[in-house]
Amino acid sequence: MTGALPGDRFLLFGLGVANAAAARALVRRGAEVVLADDRPGADADRLAADLAAEVVVAPGAERIGSLLDEVDVLLPAPGLGETHAVVRLARDRGVPIRSEFDLAAAWDDRPLVAVTGTNGKTTVTLLVAAMLEASGVPAAAVGNLDVPLVAAIDDPRPAWFVVEASSFRLAHSHDFAPRVAVWLNLAPDHLDVHGDAEAYRRAKARILDGQSEGDTAVLVLDDPVVAAATVRPGVHLVGVSTGDPAGVRREVDELATVVAGRLVIRSEAGDVDLLAVDELPRSLPHDVSNALAAAAAALAAGATERGARSALRSTPAPPHRVEFVIESDGVSWVDDSKSTAPHATLAAVAGFDAVVLVAGGRNKGLDLSELASAGDRVRAVVGIGESARAVVDAFPGRPSRIADSMAEAVRAARELARPGDTVLLSPACASFDWYGSYAERGRDFVDEVRRLVGTGGGSAGRRGDRAVSS
């Protein structure tokens, strides 16, 4: 085993999918759990019923203090803010704070590939798992996905777990030691949770902290923050760059790059020639970078070159990530609801020549004026949600509307769009003002588009295929 838990009495604060799985896992292993949530929902109700336990609802500071006095360890839910009273009081009282990753490390020693970054985590996680499976290596994609790592370890089948490692989980992890760690990029995000950009960076960098000699780190060197990350002595370093290989300044053991239009991993032992860039389903810079990072990680975990190639050619992008919906009257409609920060929205916009941007929602403490750097690619804008005005203000002088519902936003976008435009839902904000998730927001957009302009068809799917995946 890779870790040890500092006690057997746990306070789980926030009872969504991850902590519900953690609570069940702890109880099955004989631990005592105390459950609390500021706004318990259906997950919390089911958990309380399953465990025959009570949920402490919205405790104040005094009650939180007494709860912490009863336990050895705090497990805050992923996304619970660093300034939340339970986190602050636990630190003040010296109560250890841990994550579901630490639980899994104490109970299971199968190797991990871990993937983090502001954008691209899900895409690369699913790609790595697909490459391993295509190579005959049983693998499961887990973590910040449908199945938390702490629940996935109950399955004896996987030989490797490929873990989407969010900053929320990494921030409180102490015994997380991925055999292969992948860091894709960093841009301001989740500042409402982490407090500031430096705390967010530190959380991401923790993906490298538990590694040791013989492990592999895959760093995308095109991102200056990632390129400057500290890798422990003896860790095999694979750099990823879509630029000129001669321009890579950091010393690496291998370089995953593009040579004469082909994805290649270079090393002293010889080059691995994967496939041509134009064989990828989508091939703008972020797509290529994601493909290179995934291949480098999968090969380090035992995938074959053939398995990597097969998955690169055939694995579809996850939904709501620059996903083509329909074309009607020369206008393409694209769902990129997953883009919840300006950095991701800018990457999506870069895939198109003329965009009617539908954006807004609940801001995560980010500077939405950064959207202006999209330049003339954004021809018109429709603001939605709590941040509608800030989005519109980022594009002074452009045709714009503010909508009070997704149906109104789609109608406004159709009125603003011209033949050759792409109407792009890429909100740059979280969904929690109008919706329960980015997926719900994306589905509503698609439903309204189909209701207003029909079921579509035509050739615009090719335009969507060449857009960047976030």
Protein backbone atom coordinates (compact mmCIF):
# COMPACT_ATOMS: atom_id res chain seq x y z
CA MET A 1 0.00 0.00 0.00
CA THR A 2 1.15 3.53 -0.68
CA GLY A 3 -0.39 5.43 2.20
CA ALA A 4 -1.81 5.22 5.71
CA LEU A 5 -4.85 6.99 7.08
CA PRO A 6 -4.36 9.14 10.19
CA GLY A 7 -7.24 7.67 12.14
CA ASP A 8 -10.53 5.82 11.78
CA ARG A 9 -13.14 8.50 12.54
CA PHE A 10 -14.00 10.75 9.59
CA LEU A 11 -16.04 13.89 9.05
CA LEU A 12 -17.31 14.01 5.47
CA PHE A 13 -18.45 17.55 4.73
CA GLY A 14 -20.35 17.86 1.45
CA LEU A 15 -22.11 14.72 0.27
CA GLY A 16 -22.02 14.65 -3.50
CA VAL A 17 -20.86 11.70 -5.61
CA ALA A 18 -17.25 11.60 -4.36
CA ASN A 19 -17.90 11.85 -0.63
CA ALA A 20 -20.91 9.56 -0.83
CA ALA A 21 -18.64 6.91 -2.37
CA ALA A 22 -15.99 7.63 0.25
CA ALA A 23 -18.49 7.29 3.11
CA ARG A 24 -19.73 3.93 1.86
CA ALA A 25 -16.16 2.69 1.39
CA LEU A 26 -15.16 3.79 4.88
CA VAL A 27 -18.14 2.15 6.56
CA ARG A 28 -17.53 -1.12 4.69
CA ARG A 29 -14.02 -1.10 6.11
CA GLY A 30 -15.14 -0.50 9.66
CA ALA A 31 -14.53 3.22 10.00
CA GLU A 32 -16.84 5.66 11.78
CA VAL A 33 -18.28 8.50 9.69
CA VAL A 34 -19.97 11.78 10.55
CA LEU A 35 -21.93 13.35 7.68
CA ALA A 36 -22.57 17.05 7.11
CA ASP A 37 -23.63 19.26 4.22
CA ASP A 38 -24.58 22.91 3.83
CA ARG A 39 -27.30 22.09 1.27
CA PRO A 40 -27.93 18.34 1.20
CA GLY A 41 -29.49 16.99 -1.96
CA ALA A 42 -30.63 13.64 -3.26
CA ASP A 43 -27.16 12.07 -2.93
CA ALA A 44 -27.04 13.01 0.74
CA ASP A 45 -30.54 11.65 1.38
CA ARG A 46 -29.71 8.33 -0.27
CA LEU A 47 -26.44 8.09 1.63
CA ALA A 48 -28.10 8.76 4.98
CA ALA A 49 -30.72 6.10 4.27
CA ASP A 50 -28.15 3.52 3.12
CA LEU A 51 -25.94 4.05 6.16
CA ALA A 52 -28.76 4.61 8.63
CA ALA A 53 -27.05 7.85 9.57
CA GLU A 54 -28.07 11.43 10.10
CA VAL A 55 -26.80 14.38 8.08
CA VAL A 56 -25.90 17.52 10.00
CA VAL A 57 -27.37 20.32 7.90
CA ALA A 58 -25.70 23.74 7.51
CA PRO A 59 -23.82 23.71 10.83
CA GLY A 60 -22.48 27.01 12.12
CA ALA A 61 -18.90 27.53 13.28
CA GLU A 62 -19.55 26.34 16.83
CA ARG A 63 -21.20 23.12 15.65
CA ILE A 64 -18.46 22.52 13.09
CA GLY A 65 -15.92 22.83 15.86
CA SER A 66 -17.70 20.21 17.92
CA LEU A 67 -17.93 17.90 14.91
CA LEU A 68 -14.20 18.21 14.33
CA ASP A 69 -13.60 17.37 17.99
CA GLU A 70 -15.33 14.01 17.39
CA VAL A 71 -13.18 12.87 14.45
CA ASP A 72 -9.61 12.15 13.39
CA VAL A 73 -9.80 13.24 9.74
CA LEU A 74 -11.76 15.70 7.58
CA LEU A 75 -12.74 14.78 4.02
CA PRO A 76 -14.10 17.94 2.37
CA ALA A 77 -16.10 17.44 -0.79
CA PRO A 78 -14.27 18.31 -4.01
CA GLY A 79 -15.05 21.95 -4.70
CA LEU A 80 -15.63 22.95 -1.09
CA GLY A 81 -13.90 26.30 -0.84
CA GLU A 82 -10.60 26.74 0.98
CA THR A 83 -12.22 29.55 2.97
CA HIS A 84 -15.10 27.38 4.15
CA ALA A 85 -15.34 27.30 7.94
CA VAL A 86 -14.79 23.54 8.17
CA VAL A 87 -11.50 23.75 6.26
CA ARG A 88 -10.28 26.78 8.21
CA LEU A 89 -11.21 25.29 11.58
CA ALA A 90 -9.68 21.91 10.75
CA ARG A 91 -6.40 23.62 9.96
CA ASP A 92 -6.57 25.73 13.11
CA ARG A 93 -7.19 22.63 15.24
CA GLY A 94 -4.63 20.44 13.49
CA VAL A 95 -7.21 17.99 12.16
CA PRO A 96 -5.72 16.23 9.10
CA ILE A 97 -7.47 16.96 5.81
CA ARG A 98 -7.47 14.20 3.21
CA SER A 99 -9.09 13.33 -0.14
CA GLU A 100 -10.65 10.26 -1.71
CA PHE A 101 -7.28 9.72 -3.44
CA ASP A 102 -5.70 9.16 -0.03
CA LEU A 103 -8.33 6.57 0.87
CA ALA A 104 -7.71 4.72 -2.37
CA ALA A 105 -3.95 4.82 -1.78
CA ALA A 106 -4.39 3.20 1.62
CA TRP A 107 -6.51 0.37 0.24
CA ASP A 108 -5.20 -0.38 -3.25
CA ASP A 109 -1.72 -0.48 -4.77
CA ARG A 110 -2.48 -0.87 -8.48
CA PRO A 111 -0.61 1.69 -10.61
CA LEU A 112 -2.13 4.98 -11.68
CA VAL A 113 -1.88 7.32 -14.62
CA ALA A 114 -3.05 10.73 -13.38
CA VAL A 115 -4.01 13.61 -15.65
CA THR A 116 -4.46 17.24 -14.63
CA GLY A 117 -4.69 20.62 -16.34
CA THR A 118 -7.15 23.46 -16.65
CA ASN A 119 -8.41 22.07 -19.95
CA GLY A 120 -8.25 18.71 -21.66
CA LYS A 121 -8.26 16.44 -18.58
CA THR A 122 -11.27 14.36 -19.55
CA THR A 123 -10.23 14.04 -23.19
CA VAL A 124 -6.74 12.83 -22.31
CA THR A 125 -7.93 10.56 -19.49
CA LEU A 126 -10.36 8.77 -21.80
CA LEU A 127 -7.76 8.56 -24.56
CA VAL A 128 -5.15 6.97 -22.28
CA ALA A 129 -7.66 4.41 -21.01
CA ALA A 130 -8.71 3.61 -24.58
CA MET A 131 -5.07 3.17 -25.64
CA LEU A 132 -4.39 0.76 -22.79
CA GLU A 133 -7.54 -1.24 -23.49
CA ALA A 134 -6.68 -1.38 -27.21
CA SER A 135 -3.29 -2.78 -26.15
CA GLY A 136 -4.82 -5.55 -24.05
CA VAL A 137 -4.14 -3.78 -20.73
CA PRO A 138 -7.31 -3.63 -18.59
CA ALA A 139 -7.83 -0.01 -17.56
CA ALA A 140 -10.54 2.19 -16.04
CA ALA A 141 -11.01 5.93 -16.46
CA VAL A 142 -11.97 7.29 -13.04
CA GLY A 143 -11.63 10.22 -10.64
CA ASN A 144 -13.31 13.46 -11.63
CA LEU A 145 -15.65 11.43 -13.85
CA ASP A 146 -18.71 9.27 -13.26
CA VAL A 147 -16.84 6.87 -10.94
CA PRO A 148 -14.60 8.20 -8.15
CA LEU A 149 -11.29 6.42 -7.66
CA VAL A 150 -12.32 5.33 -4.15
CA ALA A 151 -15.26 3.41 -5.66
CA ALA A 152 -13.38 2.12 -8.71
CA ILE A 153 -10.88 0.17 -6.62
CA ASP A 154 -13.66 -2.29 -5.73
CA ASP A 155 -13.41 -3.60 -9.31
CA PRO A 156 -10.71 -6.28 -9.58
CA ARG A 157 -10.50 -6.08 -13.38
CA PRO A 158 -8.35 -2.97 -14.08
CA ALA A 159 -4.60 -3.42 -14.09
CA TRP A 160 -4.27 0.40 -14.29
CA PHE A 161 -6.48 3.26 -13.22
CA VAL A 162 -6.39 6.39 -15.36
CA VAL A 163 -7.37 9.19 -13.00
CA GLU A 164 -8.74 12.58 -13.99
CA ALA A 165 -7.18 14.58 -11.15
CA SER A 166 -8.97 17.84 -10.43
CA SER A 167 -7.33 20.61 -8.45
CA PHE A 168 -10.03 20.11 -5.80
CA ARG A 169 -8.89 16.56 -5.07
CA LEU A 170 -5.18 17.23 -5.50
CA ALA A 171 -5.24 20.15 -3.05
CA HIS A 172 -5.99 17.83 -0.13
CA SER A 173 -4.11 14.71 -1.28
CA HIS A 174 -1.07 13.56 0.70
CA ASP A 175 -0.50 9.97 -0.46
CA PHE A 176 -1.31 10.27 -4.15
CA ALA A 177 1.59 8.74 -6.10
CA PRO A 178 0.81 8.22 -9.80
CA ARG A 179 3.23 6.01 -11.68
CA VAL A 180 2.61 8.32 -14.66
CA ALA A 181 1.65 11.97 -14.08
CA VAL A 182 0.41 14.23 -16.89
CA TRP A 183 0.13 18.02 -16.55
CA LEU A 184 -1.41 19.62 -19.62
CA ASN A 185 -1.76 23.36 -19.00
CA LEU A 186 -2.63 26.03 -16.49
CA ALA A 187 -4.87 29.08 -16.78
CA PRO A 188 -6.82 30.94 -14.08
CA ASP A 189 -9.79 28.88 -12.94
CA HIS A 190 -11.70 27.94 -9.78
CA LEU A 191 -10.41 31.00 -7.95
CA ASP A 192 -13.70 31.03 -6.06
CA VAL A 193 -12.60 27.74 -4.47
CA HIS A 194 -8.82 28.06 -4.20
CA GLY A 195 -8.71 31.74 -3.31
CA ASP A 196 -6.02 32.90 -5.73
CA ALA A 197 -4.08 31.82 -8.80
CA GLU A 198 -1.02 30.71 -6.83
CA ALA A 199 -3.06 28.37 -4.63
CA TYR A 200 -4.62 26.92 -7.78
CA ARG A 201 -1.17 26.37 -9.31
CA ARG A 202 0.10 24.68 -6.15
CA ALA A 203 -2.87 22.34 -6.17
CA LYS A 204 -2.16 21.30 -9.75
CA ALA A 205 1.56 20.86 -9.06
CA ARG A 206 0.79 18.30 -6.34
CA ILE A 207 0.31 15.74 -9.09
CA LEU A 208 4.11 15.52 -9.24
CA ASP A 209 4.81 15.55 -5.49
CA GLY A 210 4.28 11.86 -4.78
CA GLN A 211 6.37 10.57 -7.65
CA SER A 212 9.71 8.85 -7.15
CA GLU A 213 12.59 7.38 -9.12
CA GLY A 214 11.40 5.32 -12.07
CA ASP A 215 8.06 7.07 -12.44
CA THR A 216 7.18 9.15 -15.52
CA ALA A 217 6.10 12.80 -15.75
CA VAL A 218 4.54 14.08 -18.97
CA LEU A 219 4.64 17.87 -19.17
CA VAL A 220 3.26 20.04 -21.97
CA LEU A 221 6.15 22.43 -22.48
CA ASP A 222 4.15 24.85 -24.61
CA ASP A 223 2.62 26.09 -21.35
CA PRO A 224 5.25 28.16 -19.49
CA VAL A 225 3.94 27.34 -16.02
CA VAL A 226 3.89 23.62 -16.71
CA ALA A 227 7.30 23.82 -18.39
CA ALA A 228 8.76 25.30 -15.19
CA ALA A 229 7.32 22.59 -12.90
CA THR A 230 9.66 20.76 -10.56
CA VAL A 231 10.08 17.05 -11.24
CA ARG A 232 11.64 14.84 -8.58
CA PRO A 233 15.10 13.29 -9.15
CA GLY A 234 15.03 10.06 -11.10
CA VAL A 235 11.60 10.68 -12.64
CA HIS A 236 11.57 10.04 -16.39
CA LEU A 237 10.54 13.29 -18.06
CA VAL A 238 8.60 13.36 -21.33
CA GLY A 239 8.10 16.80 -22.82
CA VAL A 240 5.21 17.56 -25.16
CA SER A 241 5.37 20.37 -27.70
CA THR A 242 3.49 21.11 -30.90
CA GLY A 243 6.03 23.77 -31.87
CA ASP A 244 9.46 23.53 -33.44
CA PRO A 245 11.29 20.67 -31.65
CA ALA A 246 14.52 22.65 -31.89
CA GLY A 247 12.91 25.39 -29.80
CA VAL A 248 12.41 23.17 -26.73
CA ARG A 249 14.80 24.45 -24.08
CA ARG A 250 14.07 22.16 -21.12
CA GLU A 251 16.15 19.01 -21.00
CA VAL A 252 13.88 15.97 -21.36
CA ASP A 253 14.32 12.21 -21.64
CA GLU A 254 11.80 12.01 -24.48
CA LEU A 255 10.02 14.60 -26.60
CA ALA A 256 6.52 14.06 -27.99
CA THR A 257 6.20 16.43 -30.91
CA VAL A 258 5.24 16.93 -34.55
CA VAL A 259 7.78 16.13 -37.25
CA ALA A 260 6.89 16.64 -40.91
CA GLY A 261 3.18 16.50 -40.14
CA ARG A 262 3.41 13.34 -38.02
CA LEU A 263 3.05 12.67 -34.29
CA VAL A 264 6.41 11.38 -33.09
CA ILE A 265 7.96 10.56 -29.71
CA ARG A 266 11.71 11.11 -29.88
CA SER A 267 14.32 9.58 -27.59
CA GLU A 268 17.89 8.36 -27.69
CA ALA A 269 16.58 4.83 -28.09
CA GLY A 270 14.85 5.82 -31.33
CA ASP A 271 11.72 7.53 -32.56
CA VAL A 272 8.18 6.23 -32.16
CA ASP A 273 6.24 7.32 -35.25
CA LEU A 274 2.55 7.24 -34.32
CA LEU A 275 0.48 8.63 -37.21
CA ALA A 276 -0.09 11.67 -39.39
CA VAL A 277 -1.72 14.69 -37.81
CA ASP A 278 -4.49 14.63 -40.41
CA GLU A 279 -5.46 11.12 -39.28
CA LEU A 280 -6.73 12.55 -35.99
CA PRO A 281 -10.49 13.19 -35.78
CA ARG A 282 -9.67 16.86 -35.00
CA SER A 283 -6.31 18.48 -35.48
CA LEU A 284 -5.98 22.03 -34.16
CA PRO A 285 -3.06 22.64 -31.75
CA HIS A 286 -4.86 21.58 -28.57
CA ASP A 287 -6.08 18.37 -30.20
CA VAL A 288 -2.55 17.53 -31.31
CA SER A 289 -1.11 18.37 -27.90
CA ASN A 290 -3.71 16.22 -26.16
CA ALA A 291 -3.01 13.33 -28.51
CA LEU A 292 0.74 13.53 -27.91
CA ALA A 293 0.35 13.73 -24.14
CA ALA A 294 -2.06 10.80 -24.08
CA ALA A 295 0.19 8.65 -26.25
CA ALA A 296 3.27 9.42 -24.15
CA ALA A 297 1.41 8.54 -20.95
CA ALA A 298 -0.16 5.38 -22.32
CA LEU A 299 3.12 4.07 -23.73
CA ALA A 300 4.76 4.69 -20.35
CA ALA A 301 2.00 2.60 -18.76
CA GLY A 302 2.51 -0.32 -21.12
CA ALA A 303 0.35 0.44 -24.13
CA THR A 304 1.57 -0.74 -27.49
CA GLU A 305 2.22 1.57 -30.42
CA ARG A 306 -0.54 -0.23 -32.33
CA GLY A 307 -3.00 0.25 -29.47
CA ALA A 308 -2.13 3.94 -29.20
CA ARG A 309 -2.64 4.47 -32.92
CA SER A 310 -5.98 2.65 -32.91
CA ALA A 311 -7.34 4.74 -30.05
CA LEU A 312 -6.10 8.02 -31.55
CA ARG A 313 -7.97 7.29 -34.75
CA SER A 314 -11.20 6.03 -33.21
CA THR A 315 -11.85 7.58 -29.77
CA PRO A 316 -14.54 10.26 -29.99
CA ALA A 317 -14.30 13.45 -27.99
CA PRO A 318 -16.46 13.53 -24.85
CA PRO A 319 -19.81 15.33 -25.25
CA HIS A 320 -20.29 19.08 -24.84
CA ARG A 321 -16.73 19.82 -25.97
CA VAL A 322 -16.94 21.71 -29.27
CA GLU A 323 -19.59 19.22 -30.36
CA PHE A 324 -21.27 19.86 -33.69
CA VAL A 325 -25.06 19.98 -33.46
CA ILE A 326 -26.49 20.91 -36.89
CA GLU A 327 -26.11 23.21 -39.87
CA SER A 328 -29.06 25.27 -41.08
CA ASP A 329 -29.17 28.05 -43.67
CA GLY A 330 -25.38 28.12 -43.82
CA VAL A 331 -24.97 28.54 -40.05
CA SER A 332 -23.29 25.88 -37.91
CA TRP A 333 -24.38 25.32 -34.31
CA VAL A 334 -21.83 23.95 -31.83
CA ASP A 335 -22.16 22.92 -28.17
CA ASP A 336 -19.11 23.67 -26.03
CA SER A 337 -20.89 23.87 -22.68
CA LYS A 338 -17.91 22.23 -20.95
CA SER A 339 -15.83 25.41 -21.41
CA THR A 340 -16.33 27.06 -18.02
CA ALA A 341 -13.38 29.49 -18.05
CA PRO A 342 -12.17 32.13 -20.52
CA HIS A 343 -9.07 30.11 -21.42
CA ALA A 344 -11.23 27.21 -22.65
CA THR A 345 -13.63 29.48 -24.52
CA LEU A 346 -10.77 31.21 -26.32
CA ALA A 347 -9.40 27.84 -27.40
CA ALA A 348 -12.79 26.87 -28.79
CA VAL A 349 -13.29 30.17 -30.62
CA ALA A 350 -9.89 29.71 -32.27
CA GLY A 351 -11.33 26.78 -34.23
CA PHE A 352 -13.69 28.96 -36.26
CA ASP A 353 -13.45 31.98 -38.51
CA ALA A 354 -16.65 33.84 -37.57
CA VAL A 355 -18.47 33.16 -34.31
CA VAL A 356 -21.71 34.24 -32.70
CA LEU A 357 -20.68 33.51 -29.13
CA VAL A 358 -23.24 32.47 -26.52
CA ALA A 359 -21.53 32.87 -23.15
CA GLY A 360 -22.12 33.65 -19.50
CA GLY A 361 -23.25 31.94 -16.32
CA ARG A 362 -21.83 31.89 -12.81
CA ASN A 363 -18.36 33.42 -12.78
CA LYS A 364 -15.70 31.54 -10.80
CA GLY A 365 -13.78 34.65 -9.80
CA LEU A 366 -12.18 35.00 -13.24
CA ASP A 367 -11.57 38.01 -15.46
CA LEU A 368 -14.11 37.70 -18.25
CA SER A 369 -12.62 40.70 -20.07
CA GLU A 370 -9.94 38.25 -21.26
CA LEU A 371 -12.50 37.04 -23.79
CA ALA A 372 -11.75 40.18 -25.81
CA SER A 373 -8.48 38.58 -26.94
CA ALA A 374 -10.58 36.42 -29.29
CA GLY A 375 -10.49 39.46 -31.55
CA ASP A 376 -12.48 39.63 -34.74
CA ARG A 377 -13.31 35.93 -34.70
CA VAL A 378 -16.23 36.84 -32.42
CA ARG A 379 -18.56 38.77 -34.72
CA ALA A 380 -21.52 38.94 -32.32
CA VAL A 381 -22.29 37.88 -28.76
CA VAL A 382 -25.26 36.72 -26.71
CA GLY A 383 -24.87 37.01 -22.94
CA ILE A 384 -26.61 34.53 -20.65
CA GLY A 385 -26.92 33.98 -16.91
CA GLU A 386 -25.48 35.96 -14.04
CA SER A 387 -22.47 37.13 -16.05
CA ALA A 388 -24.34 38.13 -19.20
CA ARG A 389 -23.48 41.81 -18.91
CA ALA A 390 -19.77 41.15 -18.25
CA VAL A 391 -19.58 38.94 -21.35
CA VAL A 392 -21.26 41.53 -23.57
CA ASP A 393 -19.04 44.28 -22.13
CA ALA A 394 -15.96 42.28 -23.17
CA PHE A 395 -16.89 42.93 -26.82
CA PRO A 396 -17.71 46.65 -27.14
CA GLY A 397 -19.05 47.65 -30.50
CA ARG A 398 -20.11 44.11 -31.50
CA PRO A 399 -23.74 43.23 -32.17
CA SER A 400 -25.02 41.80 -28.90
CA ARG A 401 -28.05 40.67 -26.95
CA ILE A 402 -28.70 39.63 -23.36
CA ALA A 403 -31.01 36.65 -22.97
CA ASP A 404 -33.05 35.56 -19.96
CA SER A 405 -33.29 31.90 -21.00
CA MET A 406 -31.57 29.46 -23.31
CA ALA A 407 -34.54 29.54 -25.65
CA GLU A 408 -34.21 33.32 -25.90
CA ALA A 409 -30.43 33.00 -26.39
CA VAL A 410 -30.87 30.61 -29.31
CA ARG A 411 -33.46 32.89 -30.92
CA ALA A 412 -31.15 35.88 -30.51
CA ALA A 413 -28.19 33.96 -31.94
CA ARG A 414 -30.20 32.98 -35.01
CA GLU A 415 -31.15 36.60 -35.59
CA LEU A 416 -27.52 37.72 -35.28
CA ALA A 417 -25.98 34.90 -37.36
CA ARG A 418 -25.10 35.16 -41.03
CA PRO A 419 -24.32 32.37 -43.51
CA GLY A 420 -20.81 31.13 -42.80
CA ASP A 421 -21.04 31.88 -39.06
CA THR A 422 -20.78 29.36 -36.25
CA VAL A 423 -23.09 29.84 -33.27
CA LEU A 424 -20.94 28.60 -30.42
CA LEU A 425 -22.19 27.94 -26.90
CA SER A 426 -18.93 28.32 -24.97
CA PRO A 427 -19.92 29.97 -21.70
CA ALA A 428 -16.57 30.75 -19.98
CA CYS A 429 -18.55 30.36 -16.73
CA ALA A 430 -19.99 27.66 -14.53
CA SER A 431 -23.56 26.51 -15.09
CA PHE A 432 -24.90 26.70 -11.56
CA ASP A 433 -26.99 29.84 -11.96
CA TRP A 434 -29.45 28.25 -14.38
CA TYR A 435 -28.52 24.56 -14.36
CA GLY A 436 -27.27 21.70 -12.22
CA SER A 437 -24.33 20.93 -14.50
CA TYR A 438 -22.60 21.93 -17.73
CA ALA A 439 -24.10 18.80 -19.33
CA GLU A 440 -27.64 19.94 -18.48
CA ARG A 441 -26.82 23.34 -19.97
CA GLY A 442 -25.47 21.75 -23.13
CA ARG A 443 -28.51 19.51 -23.53
CA ASP A 444 -30.83 22.49 -23.16
CA PHE A 445 -28.90 24.37 -25.83
CA VAL A 446 -29.09 21.40 -28.22
CA ASP A 447 -32.81 20.93 -27.55
CA GLU A 448 -33.55 24.60 -28.20
CA VAL A 449 -31.45 24.62 -31.37
CA ARG A 450 -33.22 21.58 -32.74
CA ARG A 451 -36.58 23.04 -31.76
CA LEU A 452 -35.86 26.34 -33.48
CA VAL A 453 -33.88 25.41 -36.58
CA GLY A 454 -34.66 21.73 -37.09
CA THR A 455 -32.73 18.47 -37.04
CA GLY A 456 -30.17 19.74 -39.50
CA GLY A 457 -27.68 17.90 -41.65
CA GLY A 458 -25.39 19.25 -44.33
CA SER A 459 -21.64 19.64 -44.30
CA ALA A 460 -20.97 21.70 -41.19
CA GLY A 461 -19.98 18.64 -39.20
CA ARG A 462 -16.61 18.98 -40.87
CA ARG A 463 -16.29 22.47 -39.42
CA GLY A 464 -17.03 21.10 -35.96
CA ASP A 465 -14.56 18.26 -36.47
CA ARG A 466 -11.72 20.68 -36.95
CA ALA A 467 -12.49 22.65 -33.82
CA VAL A 468 -10.29 22.38 -30.77
CA SER A 469 -11.28 20.05 -27.96
CA SER A 470 -11.21 21.51 -24.49
